[in-house]
Amino acid sequence: MNATKKTYLIIGGTGGIGRAMVKQLLESTDKEEGGSQVYATYHKTVPDFEADNLHWLQMDVSNEDSIEQAATEIKQHTTHLDWVINCVGLLHTETAQPEKALRQVETDFFLQNMQVNALASLLIAKHIKPLLATAERSNEKPAIFATISARVGSISDNQVGGWYSYRMSKAALNMGMKNLSIEWGRALKDVCVVVMQPGTVNTQLSAPFQANVAEGHLFSPEYSAECLLEVLAGMTATQSGSFVDWAGESIPW
């Protein structure tokens, strides 16, 4: 992937996929003066790795003030962002698991899923838009606003049910990003809004559910991140509003 002289923002840079993306972008960028810059966010734990062209920011995606503050801080250091990738997601907590049946649906957990998985990307887009609007285009490649979604958010692909909060929040995310792609298609020039399925990745998010994953279908964070970055590198503005997997294949809504 050619990552030369771009400015990236990875939301959730300390999670499995986000951390792998940050490290791969750092490895592929030009670290000389005037080269690419990587901005990345963390929630609570201060990251344990640094680089000259890596800038850490604290962000709580469930708090709009925190999102706005991080965006303001970025604006103090750069005039534009080329790629924004939101890797933050919620599937389970220490006290709640995905629902197997309707009787398990609880209001607080449902709303927490909606806050983190669906609303957060809209709020990030709201406050980051000015930085995408001023991105300098090169080689006819668009600016990117990408969010990690999930295949289980596909309504037409749902064959087994369950996981009410997660499925519904990801379906809501997909609709929100489709809406955003239409609005930005009118208001912004050459911005591609895309939602992506990373595959089943060996992270804390999937850890309780890996026993049911078929052999060869559990990806490392590094492999998933590499695939996703490659797909994004090939996206065009005409593909804005797409829902694709780690291999670039379209997923039905």
Protein backbone atom coordinates (compact mmCIF):
# COMPACT_ATOMS: atom_id res chain seq x y z
CA MET A 1 0.00 0.00 0.00
CA ASN A 2 1.29 3.44 -0.92
CA ALA A 3 0.80 5.58 2.17
CA THR A 4 3.13 8.40 1.16
CA LYS A 5 2.51 11.87 2.55
CA LYS A 6 -1.02 11.51 3.82
CA THR A 7 -2.62 12.42 7.13
CA TYR A 8 -4.50 9.62 8.87
CA LEU A 9 -6.79 9.44 11.88
CA ILE A 10 -7.43 6.04 13.46
CA ILE A 11 -10.20 6.05 16.05
CA GLY A 12 -9.55 3.29 18.56
CA GLY A 13 -5.82 3.04 17.97
CA THR A 14 -5.24 0.78 20.99
CA GLY A 15 -7.74 -1.94 20.02
CA GLY A 16 -6.79 -5.02 18.06
CA ILE A 17 -7.49 -3.83 14.51
CA GLY A 18 -6.83 -0.15 15.23
CA ARG A 19 -3.46 -0.83 16.82
CA ALA A 20 -2.44 -3.02 13.88
CA MET A 21 -3.51 -0.29 11.45
CA VAL A 22 -1.51 2.36 13.29
CA LYS A 23 1.64 0.24 13.24
CA GLN A 24 1.24 -0.68 9.57
CA LEU A 25 0.69 2.93 8.59
CA LEU A 26 3.78 3.95 10.53
CA GLU A 27 5.82 1.28 8.76
CA SER A 28 4.66 2.37 5.33
CA THR A 29 4.81 6.14 5.69
CA ASP A 30 7.65 8.46 4.74
CA LYS A 31 9.10 9.54 8.09
CA GLU A 32 11.20 12.32 6.65
CA GLU A 33 10.25 15.96 7.05
CA GLY A 34 7.03 16.69 5.20
CA GLY A 35 5.99 13.02 5.24
CA SER A 36 2.81 11.35 6.39
CA GLN A 37 1.32 11.90 9.83
CA VAL A 38 -0.76 9.45 11.85
CA TYR A 39 -3.21 10.61 14.49
CA ALA A 40 -4.73 7.92 16.71
CA THR A 41 -7.07 7.90 19.68
CA TYR A 42 -7.18 5.99 22.92
CA HIS A 43 -9.95 5.82 25.50
CA LYS A 44 -8.39 5.49 28.96
CA THR A 45 -5.08 3.66 28.79
CA VAL A 46 -2.14 5.72 27.52
CA PRO A 47 -0.56 3.80 24.59
CA ASP A 48 2.77 2.08 25.08
CA PHE A 49 4.37 2.89 21.72
CA GLU A 50 5.46 6.12 20.04
CA ALA A 51 6.88 7.46 16.78
CA ASP A 52 7.95 10.87 15.51
CA ASN A 53 4.98 11.06 13.14
CA LEU A 54 2.43 9.48 15.53
CA HIS A 55 0.17 11.75 17.58
CA TRP A 56 -2.00 10.25 20.33
CA LEU A 57 -5.29 11.84 21.36
CA GLN A 58 -7.72 10.86 24.09
CA MET A 59 -11.28 10.27 22.91
CA ASP A 60 -14.38 8.71 24.44
CA VAL A 61 -16.61 7.91 21.45
CA SER A 62 -19.68 7.80 23.71
CA ASN A 63 -19.18 11.45 24.68
CA GLU A 64 -19.67 14.15 22.03
CA ASP A 65 -17.69 16.71 24.00
CA SER A 66 -14.71 14.35 24.00
CA ILE A 67 -15.04 13.82 20.24
CA GLU A 68 -15.24 17.56 19.63
CA GLN A 69 -12.23 18.21 21.87
CA ALA A 70 -10.11 15.67 19.98
CA ALA A 71 -11.16 17.17 16.64
CA THR A 72 -10.24 20.65 17.90
CA GLU A 73 -6.83 19.40 18.99
CA ILE A 74 -6.20 17.86 15.56
CA LYS A 75 -7.14 21.17 13.90
CA GLN A 76 -4.38 22.86 15.90
CA HIS A 77 -1.79 20.67 14.19
CA THR A 78 -3.06 20.01 10.67
CA THR A 79 -5.32 21.61 8.10
CA HIS A 80 -6.73 18.39 6.72
CA LEU A 81 -7.18 14.64 7.08
CA ASP A 82 -6.98 12.24 4.14
CA TRP A 83 -8.28 9.12 5.85
CA VAL A 84 -10.44 8.69 8.96
CA ILE A 85 -11.09 5.12 10.14
CA ASN A 86 -13.29 4.37 13.14
CA CYS A 87 -12.29 0.99 14.59
CA VAL A 88 -14.22 1.24 17.87
CA GLY A 89 -17.00 -1.27 18.44
CA LEU A 90 -18.98 -2.88 21.26
CA LEU A 91 -20.20 -6.48 21.33
CA HIS A 92 -20.08 -7.37 25.01
CA THR A 93 -19.14 -5.90 28.38
CA GLU A 94 -17.96 -7.37 31.67
CA THR A 95 -21.58 -7.74 32.73
CA ALA A 96 -23.53 -8.20 29.48
CA GLN A 97 -23.30 -10.59 26.55
CA PRO A 98 -25.06 -10.54 23.15
CA GLU A 99 -28.65 -11.64 23.52
CA LYS A 100 -29.62 -15.12 22.34
CA ALA A 101 -33.34 -14.44 22.82
CA LEU A 102 -35.77 -11.55 23.17
CA ARG A 103 -36.18 -12.13 26.93
CA GLN A 104 -32.53 -11.12 27.41
CA VAL A 105 -32.88 -7.67 25.83
CA GLU A 106 -32.14 -4.95 28.39
CA THR A 107 -32.52 -1.22 27.80
CA ASP A 108 -29.16 -0.04 29.10
CA PHE A 109 -27.10 -2.55 27.11
CA PHE A 110 -29.17 -1.92 23.98
CA LEU A 111 -28.64 1.84 24.22
CA GLN A 112 -24.94 1.37 24.93
CA ASN A 113 -24.63 -0.62 21.70
CA MET A 114 -26.44 2.11 19.79
CA GLN A 115 -24.26 4.82 21.33
CA VAL A 116 -20.94 3.16 20.53
CA ASN A 117 -21.69 1.25 17.33
CA ALA A 118 -24.12 3.60 15.54
CA LEU A 119 -24.14 7.15 16.91
CA ALA A 120 -20.40 7.56 17.46
CA SER A 121 -19.49 7.50 13.77
CA LEU A 122 -22.07 10.19 13.01
CA LEU A 123 -20.69 12.42 15.75
CA ILE A 124 -17.12 11.84 14.60
CA ALA A 125 -18.15 12.74 11.05
CA LYS A 126 -19.92 15.85 12.34
CA HIS A 127 -16.80 17.25 13.97
CA ILE A 128 -14.21 15.92 11.49
CA LYS A 129 -15.98 17.12 8.33
CA PRO A 130 -14.02 20.41 8.02
CA LEU A 131 -10.74 18.48 7.98
CA LEU A 132 -11.95 16.16 5.23
CA ALA A 133 -13.32 19.07 3.23
CA THR A 134 -9.83 20.60 2.96
CA ALA A 135 -7.98 17.38 2.10
CA GLU A 136 -5.67 17.73 -0.88
CA ARG A 137 -6.44 15.15 -3.57
CA SER A 138 -3.65 13.34 -5.41
CA ASN A 139 -3.78 10.69 -8.12
CA GLU A 140 -7.57 11.14 -8.26
CA LYS A 141 -7.94 9.27 -4.97
CA PRO A 142 -10.71 10.45 -2.63
CA ALA A 143 -10.53 11.28 1.04
CA ILE A 144 -11.78 8.32 3.09
CA PHE A 145 -14.25 8.13 5.97
CA ALA A 146 -14.45 4.46 6.96
CA THR A 147 -16.13 2.66 9.83
CA ILE A 148 -15.72 -0.94 10.90
CA SER A 149 -19.15 -2.57 10.74
CA ALA A 150 -20.12 -6.26 10.77
CA ARG A 151 -21.72 -8.74 8.42
CA VAL A 152 -24.34 -9.46 11.10
CA GLY A 153 -25.59 -5.90 10.51
CA SER A 154 -26.86 -7.03 7.10
CA ILE A 155 -30.63 -7.48 7.27
CA SER A 156 -30.90 -9.64 4.15
CA ASP A 157 -27.99 -11.85 5.28
CA ASN A 158 -29.53 -12.58 8.70
CA GLN A 159 -30.35 -16.29 8.79
CA VAL A 160 -29.94 -17.24 12.46
CA GLY A 161 -31.24 -14.28 14.52
CA GLY A 162 -30.05 -13.42 18.00
CA TRP A 163 -27.63 -10.68 19.05
CA TYR A 164 -30.40 -8.08 18.95
CA SER A 165 -28.45 -5.10 20.26
CA TYR A 166 -25.34 -5.72 18.18
CA ARG A 167 -27.17 -6.56 14.95
CA MET A 168 -29.52 -3.60 15.24
CA SER A 169 -26.77 -1.13 16.14
CA LYS A 170 -24.65 -2.23 13.16
CA ALA A 171 -27.68 -2.03 10.84
CA ALA A 172 -28.28 1.49 12.19
CA LEU A 173 -24.62 2.33 11.60
CA ASN A 174 -24.91 1.14 8.01
CA MET A 175 -27.97 3.30 7.39
CA GLY A 176 -26.30 6.30 9.00
CA MET A 177 -23.21 5.96 6.83
CA LYS A 178 -25.34 5.47 3.70
CA ASN A 179 -27.18 8.69 4.58
CA LEU A 180 -23.87 10.44 5.19
CA SER A 181 -22.50 9.31 1.83
CA ILE A 182 -25.48 10.90 0.09
CA GLU A 183 -25.23 14.18 2.00
CA TRP A 184 -21.48 14.45 1.57
CA GLY A 185 -21.81 13.48 -2.07
CA ARG A 186 -23.64 16.78 -2.51
CA ALA A 187 -21.60 18.92 -0.11
CA LEU A 188 -18.03 17.57 -0.29
CA LYS A 189 -15.91 16.85 -3.33
CA ASP A 190 -14.27 13.44 -3.63
CA VAL A 191 -14.96 11.88 -0.23
CA CYS A 192 -15.66 8.15 -0.01
CA VAL A 193 -17.80 6.99 2.93
CA VAL A 194 -17.55 3.23 3.43
CA VAL A 195 -18.49 0.64 6.05
CA MET A 196 -16.32 -2.47 6.28
CA GLN A 197 -16.54 -6.03 7.57
CA PRO A 198 -13.09 -7.01 8.91
CA GLY A 199 -13.74 -10.75 9.14
CA THR A 200 -13.71 -12.56 12.47
CA VAL A 201 -10.59 -11.21 14.12
CA ASN A 202 -8.71 -12.58 17.11
CA THR A 203 -9.37 -9.66 19.47
CA GLN A 204 -10.94 -9.07 22.86
CA LEU A 205 -14.23 -8.29 21.13
CA SER A 206 -14.53 -11.76 19.56
CA ALA A 207 -12.72 -13.76 22.26
CA PRO A 208 -15.83 -15.29 23.92
CA PHE A 209 -17.21 -16.48 20.57
CA GLN A 210 -14.21 -17.93 18.76
CA ALA A 211 -15.08 -21.57 19.48
CA ASN A 212 -17.68 -21.52 16.72
CA VAL A 213 -15.38 -20.02 14.07
CA ALA A 214 -14.46 -22.41 11.27
CA GLU A 215 -10.80 -23.35 10.92
CA GLY A 216 -8.91 -20.81 8.86
CA HIS A 217 -11.54 -18.11 9.31
CA LEU A 218 -10.14 -16.48 12.46
CA PHE A 219 -7.88 -13.65 11.30
CA SER A 220 -5.06 -12.01 13.17
CA PRO A 221 -5.49 -8.26 13.72
CA GLU A 222 -2.44 -7.68 11.53
CA TYR A 223 -3.88 -9.64 8.61
CA SER A 224 -7.30 -8.00 8.85
CA ALA A 225 -5.78 -4.52 9.12
CA GLU A 226 -3.55 -5.13 6.11
CA CYS A 227 -6.52 -6.31 4.03
CA LEU A 228 -8.73 -3.39 5.05
CA LEU A 229 -6.03 -0.81 4.31
CA GLU A 230 -5.44 -2.36 0.89
CA VAL A 231 -9.16 -2.21 0.09
CA LEU A 232 -9.34 1.43 1.19
CA ALA A 233 -6.31 2.32 -0.92
CA GLY A 234 -8.22 1.19 -3.99
CA MET A 235 -11.54 2.90 -3.24
CA THR A 236 -12.89 5.62 -5.53
CA ALA A 237 -15.35 8.43 -4.88
CA THR A 238 -17.99 6.57 -6.92
CA GLN A 239 -17.88 3.77 -4.34
CA SER A 240 -19.02 6.06 -1.53
CA GLY A 241 -21.91 4.47 0.35
CA SER A 242 -20.50 0.95 -0.04
CA PHE A 243 -20.63 -1.93 2.45
CA VAL A 244 -17.66 -4.21 1.75
CA ASP A 245 -15.69 -6.96 3.43
CA TRP A 246 -11.97 -7.35 4.09
CA ALA A 247 -11.48 -8.63 0.54
CA GLY A 248 -13.35 -5.72 -1.06
CA GLU A 249 -16.43 -7.81 -1.87
CA SER A 250 -19.83 -6.11 -1.53
CA ILE A 251 -22.11 -7.19 1.31
CA PRO A 252 -25.90 -6.96 0.88
CA TRP A 253 -27.65 -4.43 3.10
